[in-house]
Amino acid sequence: MRAGGLLRGLDLPSGLVATSDDWGAAKPEVGFFEHVTEATPAEPGEILYVGDRLDNDIRPAVHAGLLTALIRRGPWGRIQQRDPDADAIATMRIDSQAELPEKIAKFNAEGR
């Protein structure tokens, strides 16, 4: 059984569990991000994509019209944290997913 099937079998409290294998498209392919937008009831500019890599996550998500949160974790998050593009293209930067509610509230309050 593939990862998507295993995860769905866990009956996690989520609205959607999907993998690139399920979709037949992997990051940074445009098709992956098209599946993300098709799987949600929101418009691309209302979706916040969280990733730790500028090349594989943030740049292609921005290209697809998504908002982005660059998370500083893991090896790529550490390697790319000083890249000048990080602040220029990511909607926000975070160190933990626990920061998201506060960051999103602040982003929305600023009237993006």
N, C-alpha and C. Protein backbone atom coordinates (compact mmCIF):
# COMPACT_ATOMS: atom_id res chain seq x y z
N MET A 1 0.85 -1.19 0.00
CA MET A 1 0.00 0.00 0.00
C MET A 1 0.88 1.24 0.00
N ARG A 2 0.48 2.24 -0.75
CA ARG A 2 1.21 3.49 -0.86
C ARG A 2 0.93 4.39 0.34
N ALA A 3 1.75 5.46 0.47
CA ALA A 3 1.65 6.37 1.62
C ALA A 3 0.25 6.98 1.76
N GLY A 4 -0.35 7.42 0.64
CA GLY A 4 -1.68 8.03 0.71
C GLY A 4 -2.70 7.09 1.31
N GLY A 5 -2.70 5.85 0.88
CA GLY A 5 -3.62 4.86 1.41
C GLY A 5 -3.38 4.59 2.89
N LEU A 6 -2.11 4.51 3.27
CA LEU A 6 -1.78 4.29 4.68
C LEU A 6 -2.26 5.45 5.54
N LEU A 7 -2.02 6.67 5.08
CA LEU A 7 -2.45 7.85 5.85
C LEU A 7 -3.96 7.93 5.96
N ARG A 8 -4.67 7.68 4.86
CA ARG A 8 -6.14 7.70 4.91
C ARG A 8 -6.67 6.61 5.84
N GLY A 9 -5.96 5.49 5.90
CA GLY A 9 -6.35 4.39 6.78
C GLY A 9 -6.24 4.73 8.25
N LEU A 10 -5.48 5.75 8.58
CA LEU A 10 -5.34 6.18 9.98
C LEU A 10 -6.54 6.97 10.48
N ASP A 11 -7.43 7.33 9.56
CA ASP A 11 -8.63 8.09 9.90
C ASP A 11 -8.29 9.35 10.71
N LEU A 12 -7.34 10.11 10.19
CA LEU A 12 -6.91 11.34 10.84
C LEU A 12 -7.99 12.41 10.75
N PRO A 13 -8.05 13.30 11.73
CA PRO A 13 -9.07 14.36 11.69
C PRO A 13 -8.66 15.47 10.71
N SER A 14 -8.82 15.19 9.43
CA SER A 14 -8.46 16.18 8.42
C SER A 14 -9.49 16.16 7.30
N GLY A 15 -9.55 17.26 6.58
CA GLY A 15 -10.48 17.35 5.47
C GLY A 15 -9.97 16.67 4.21
N LEU A 16 -8.66 16.49 4.11
CA LEU A 16 -8.08 15.91 2.91
C LEU A 16 -6.72 15.31 3.24
N VAL A 17 -6.49 14.11 2.74
CA VAL A 17 -5.18 13.50 2.79
C VAL A 17 -4.86 13.09 1.36
N ALA A 18 -3.81 13.65 0.80
CA ALA A 18 -3.40 13.33 -0.57
C ALA A 18 -1.88 13.41 -0.64
N THR A 19 -1.34 12.63 -1.54
CA THR A 19 0.11 12.63 -1.75
C THR A 19 0.41 12.88 -3.22
N SER A 20 1.64 13.24 -3.50
CA SER A 20 2.03 13.44 -4.90
C SER A 20 1.88 12.14 -5.68
N ASP A 21 2.07 11.02 -5.03
CA ASP A 21 1.88 9.73 -5.69
C ASP A 21 0.41 9.53 -6.08
N ASP A 22 -0.51 9.93 -5.21
CA ASP A 22 -1.95 9.86 -5.53
C ASP A 22 -2.25 10.67 -6.78
N TRP A 23 -1.62 11.83 -6.89
CA TRP A 23 -1.91 12.77 -7.97
C TRP A 23 -1.08 12.52 -9.23
N GLY A 24 -0.02 11.75 -9.11
CA GLY A 24 0.85 11.53 -10.26
C GLY A 24 1.63 12.76 -10.65
N ALA A 25 1.86 13.63 -9.70
CA ALA A 25 2.62 14.87 -9.93
C ALA A 25 3.41 15.17 -8.66
N ALA A 26 4.63 15.55 -8.83
CA ALA A 26 5.49 15.83 -7.67
C ALA A 26 6.00 17.26 -7.73
N LYS A 27 6.29 17.81 -6.56
CA LYS A 27 6.88 19.13 -6.50
C LYS A 27 8.24 19.09 -7.17
N PRO A 28 8.64 20.09 -7.85
CA PRO A 28 8.05 21.40 -8.05
C PRO A 28 7.19 21.50 -9.32
N GLU A 29 6.70 20.37 -9.85
CA GLU A 29 5.88 20.40 -11.06
C GLU A 29 4.63 21.25 -10.86
N VAL A 30 4.26 21.99 -11.89
CA VAL A 30 3.06 22.81 -11.85
C VAL A 30 1.83 21.96 -11.54
N GLY A 31 1.79 20.74 -12.08
CA GLY A 31 0.65 19.85 -11.86
C GLY A 31 0.38 19.57 -10.40
N PHE A 32 1.42 19.48 -9.59
CA PHE A 32 1.23 19.26 -8.16
C PHE A 32 0.43 20.40 -7.54
N PHE A 33 0.82 21.62 -7.85
CA PHE A 33 0.15 22.79 -7.27
C PHE A 33 -1.24 22.99 -7.86
N GLU A 34 -1.44 22.58 -9.09
CA GLU A 34 -2.79 22.60 -9.68
C GLU A 34 -3.70 21.64 -8.92
N HIS A 35 -3.19 20.47 -8.55
CA HIS A 35 -3.98 19.53 -7.75
C HIS A 35 -4.32 20.11 -6.38
N VAL A 36 -3.37 20.81 -5.79
CA VAL A 36 -3.62 21.45 -4.49
C VAL A 36 -4.80 22.41 -4.62
N THR A 37 -4.78 23.25 -5.64
CA THR A 37 -5.85 24.24 -5.78
C THR A 37 -7.18 23.58 -6.15
N GLU A 38 -7.14 22.52 -6.95
CA GLU A 38 -8.37 21.82 -7.33
C GLU A 38 -8.99 21.07 -6.15
N ALA A 39 -8.17 20.68 -5.18
CA ALA A 39 -8.65 19.88 -4.05
C ALA A 39 -9.29 20.73 -2.96
N THR A 40 -9.22 22.04 -3.08
CA THR A 40 -9.77 22.91 -2.05
C THR A 40 -10.89 23.78 -2.62
N PRO A 41 -11.80 24.22 -1.77
CA PRO A 41 -12.86 25.11 -2.25
C PRO A 41 -12.42 26.56 -2.36
N ALA A 42 -11.17 26.84 -2.03
CA ALA A 42 -10.66 28.22 -2.03
C ALA A 42 -10.01 28.56 -3.36
N GLU A 43 -9.90 29.85 -3.60
CA GLU A 43 -9.15 30.35 -4.75
C GLU A 43 -7.66 30.25 -4.44
N PRO A 44 -6.80 30.15 -5.47
CA PRO A 44 -5.36 30.05 -5.20
C PRO A 44 -4.83 31.13 -4.26
N GLY A 45 -5.26 32.37 -4.41
CA GLY A 45 -4.79 33.46 -3.57
C GLY A 45 -5.30 33.41 -2.14
N GLU A 46 -6.14 32.43 -1.82
CA GLU A 46 -6.66 32.23 -0.46
C GLU A 46 -6.03 31.02 0.22
N ILE A 47 -5.13 30.34 -0.49
CA ILE A 47 -4.48 29.13 0.03
C ILE A 47 -3.08 29.49 0.51
N LEU A 48 -2.75 29.05 1.72
CA LEU A 48 -1.41 29.26 2.26
C LEU A 48 -0.67 27.93 2.20
N TYR A 49 0.37 27.88 1.39
CA TYR A 49 1.18 26.66 1.24
C TYR A 49 2.41 26.80 2.13
N VAL A 50 2.64 25.83 3.00
CA VAL A 50 3.77 25.84 3.92
C VAL A 50 4.83 24.89 3.39
N GLY A 51 6.05 25.38 3.27
CA GLY A 51 7.15 24.54 2.81
C GLY A 51 8.47 25.01 3.35
N ASP A 52 9.46 24.12 3.30
CA ASP A 52 10.78 24.45 3.85
C ASP A 52 11.84 24.71 2.79
N ARG A 53 11.45 24.61 1.51
CA ARG A 53 12.43 24.82 0.43
C ARG A 53 11.94 25.91 -0.51
N LEU A 54 12.84 26.83 -0.83
CA LEU A 54 12.51 27.89 -1.79
C LEU A 54 12.31 27.30 -3.18
N ASP A 55 13.20 26.40 -3.58
CA ASP A 55 13.16 25.86 -4.94
C ASP A 55 12.04 24.87 -5.17
N ASN A 56 11.74 24.05 -4.22
CA ASN A 56 10.78 22.96 -4.40
C ASN A 56 9.38 23.31 -3.90
N ASP A 57 9.26 24.26 -3.02
CA ASP A 57 7.98 24.61 -2.40
C ASP A 57 7.54 26.04 -2.69
N ILE A 58 8.32 27.00 -2.25
CA ILE A 58 7.88 28.39 -2.24
C ILE A 58 7.81 28.99 -3.64
N ARG A 59 8.88 28.92 -4.42
CA ARG A 59 8.83 29.50 -5.77
C ARG A 59 7.71 28.91 -6.63
N PRO A 60 7.58 27.58 -6.72
CA PRO A 60 6.50 27.06 -7.56
C PRO A 60 5.11 27.36 -7.00
N ALA A 61 4.95 27.42 -5.70
CA ALA A 61 3.65 27.76 -5.11
C ALA A 61 3.28 29.20 -5.44
N VAL A 62 4.25 30.11 -5.34
CA VAL A 62 4.02 31.51 -5.70
C VAL A 62 3.65 31.59 -7.18
N HIS A 63 4.36 30.86 -8.01
CA HIS A 63 4.08 30.84 -9.45
C HIS A 63 2.64 30.36 -9.73
N ALA A 64 2.14 29.46 -8.88
CA ALA A 64 0.77 28.95 -9.03
C ALA A 64 -0.26 29.90 -8.41
N GLY A 65 0.19 31.02 -7.82
CA GLY A 65 -0.72 32.01 -7.27
C GLY A 65 -1.07 31.80 -5.81
N LEU A 66 -0.38 30.90 -5.12
CA LEU A 66 -0.66 30.63 -3.71
C LEU A 66 0.11 31.58 -2.80
N LEU A 67 -0.42 31.81 -1.62
CA LEU A 67 0.32 32.48 -0.56
C LEU A 67 1.28 31.44 0.01
N THR A 68 2.36 31.87 0.62
CA THR A 68 3.36 30.91 1.09
C THR A 68 3.90 31.26 2.47
N ALA A 69 4.22 30.21 3.21
CA ALA A 69 4.91 30.35 4.49
C ALA A 69 6.16 29.49 4.42
N LEU A 70 7.31 30.13 4.49
CA LEU A 70 8.59 29.42 4.48
C LEU A 70 8.91 29.04 5.92
N ILE A 71 8.95 27.75 6.19
CA ILE A 71 9.23 27.29 7.55
C ILE A 71 10.71 26.95 7.68
N ARG A 72 11.33 27.45 8.73
CA ARG A 72 12.76 27.22 8.97
C ARG A 72 12.91 25.98 9.84
N ARG A 73 12.92 24.83 9.16
CA ARG A 73 13.14 23.58 9.87
C ARG A 73 13.82 22.61 8.92
N GLY A 74 14.46 21.62 9.47
CA GLY A 74 15.15 20.65 8.65
C GLY A 74 16.35 21.25 7.94
N PRO A 75 17.07 20.43 7.19
CA PRO A 75 18.29 20.93 6.56
C PRO A 75 18.05 22.04 5.55
N TRP A 76 17.02 21.95 4.72
CA TRP A 76 16.78 22.99 3.71
C TRP A 76 16.37 24.30 4.36
N GLY A 77 15.56 24.22 5.39
CA GLY A 77 15.17 25.43 6.09
C GLY A 77 16.36 26.17 6.67
N ARG A 78 17.33 25.42 7.16
CA ARG A 78 18.54 26.03 7.72
C ARG A 78 19.45 26.57 6.61
N ILE A 79 19.62 25.77 5.54
CA ILE A 79 20.51 26.16 4.45
C ILE A 79 20.01 27.43 3.77
N GLN A 80 18.70 27.51 3.55
CA GLN A 80 18.15 28.61 2.76
C GLN A 80 17.64 29.79 3.59
N GLN A 81 17.83 29.77 4.90
CA GLN A 81 17.26 30.82 5.72
C GLN A 81 17.85 32.20 5.45
N ARG A 82 19.05 32.28 4.93
CA ARG A 82 19.66 33.58 4.65
C ARG A 82 19.60 33.96 3.18
N ASP A 83 18.93 33.16 2.37
CA ASP A 83 18.79 33.46 0.95
C ASP A 83 17.99 34.75 0.82
N PRO A 84 18.49 35.73 0.05
CA PRO A 84 17.77 37.01 -0.08
C PRO A 84 16.37 36.85 -0.68
N ASP A 85 16.14 35.81 -1.45
CA ASP A 85 14.81 35.58 -2.02
C ASP A 85 13.78 35.17 -0.97
N ALA A 86 14.24 34.65 0.15
CA ALA A 86 13.31 34.15 1.16
C ALA A 86 12.31 35.22 1.59
N ASP A 87 12.80 36.40 1.92
CA ASP A 87 11.89 37.47 2.34
C ASP A 87 11.20 38.13 1.16
N ALA A 88 11.84 38.09 0.01
CA ALA A 88 11.28 38.76 -1.16
C ALA A 88 10.08 38.01 -1.74
N ILE A 89 10.07 36.68 -1.67
CA ILE A 89 8.98 35.96 -2.33
C ILE A 89 8.01 35.27 -1.39
N ALA A 90 8.43 34.88 -0.21
CA ALA A 90 7.52 34.20 0.72
C ALA A 90 6.57 35.21 1.35
N THR A 91 5.32 34.83 1.50
CA THR A 91 4.33 35.70 2.14
C THR A 91 4.71 35.93 3.60
N MET A 92 5.19 34.86 4.24
CA MET A 92 5.61 34.96 5.64
C MET A 92 6.66 33.89 5.91
N ARG A 93 7.38 34.11 7.01
CA ARG A 93 8.37 33.12 7.46
C ARG A 93 8.00 32.69 8.85
N ILE A 94 8.17 31.38 9.10
CA ILE A 94 7.83 30.83 10.42
C ILE A 94 8.92 29.85 10.86
N ASP A 95 9.00 29.64 12.17
CA ASP A 95 9.91 28.64 12.73
C ASP A 95 9.16 27.38 13.14
N SER A 96 7.83 27.50 13.26
CA SER A 96 7.00 26.38 13.71
C SER A 96 5.58 26.56 13.17
N GLN A 97 4.92 25.46 12.90
CA GLN A 97 3.53 25.55 12.45
C GLN A 97 2.63 26.14 13.54
N ALA A 98 3.07 26.07 14.79
CA ALA A 98 2.29 26.64 15.88
C ALA A 98 2.15 28.16 15.74
N GLU A 99 3.03 28.79 14.99
CA GLU A 99 2.97 30.23 14.76
C GLU A 99 1.89 30.64 13.76
N LEU A 100 1.39 29.68 12.99
CA LEU A 100 0.49 30.02 11.89
C LEU A 100 -0.76 30.78 12.29
N PRO A 101 -1.51 30.37 13.32
CA PRO A 101 -2.73 31.13 13.63
C PRO A 101 -2.48 32.62 13.87
N GLU A 102 -1.45 32.93 14.64
CA GLU A 102 -1.13 34.33 14.93
C GLU A 102 -0.66 35.07 13.68
N LYS A 103 0.20 34.43 12.89
CA LYS A 103 0.72 35.06 11.67
C LYS A 103 -0.39 35.29 10.65
N ILE A 104 -1.28 34.32 10.51
CA ILE A 104 -2.40 34.46 9.56
C ILE A 104 -3.34 35.56 10.02
N ALA A 105 -3.63 35.60 11.31
CA ALA A 105 -4.50 36.66 11.84
C ALA A 105 -3.90 38.03 11.59
N LYS A 106 -2.61 38.18 11.83
CA LYS A 106 -1.93 39.46 11.59
C LYS A 106 -1.96 39.80 10.10
N PHE A 107 -1.69 38.83 9.25
CA PHE A 107 -1.71 39.03 7.81
C PHE A 107 -3.09 39.50 7.35
N ASN A 108 -4.12 38.84 7.83
CA ASN A 108 -5.49 39.22 7.46
C ASN A 108 -5.86 40.60 8.01
N ALA A 109 -5.42 40.93 9.22
CA ALA A 109 -5.73 42.22 9.82
C ALA A 109 -5.06 43.36 9.06
N GLU A 110 -3.93 43.08 8.45
CA GLU A 110 -3.22 44.13 7.69
C GLU A 110 -3.87 44.37 6.33
N GLY A 111 -4.92 43.59 6.03
CA GLY A 111 -5.70 43.83 4.83
C GLY A 111 -5.03 43.45 3.54
N ARG A 112 -4.15 42.56 3.59
CA ARG A 112 -3.40 42.12 2.41
C ARG A 112 -4.00 42.53 1.16
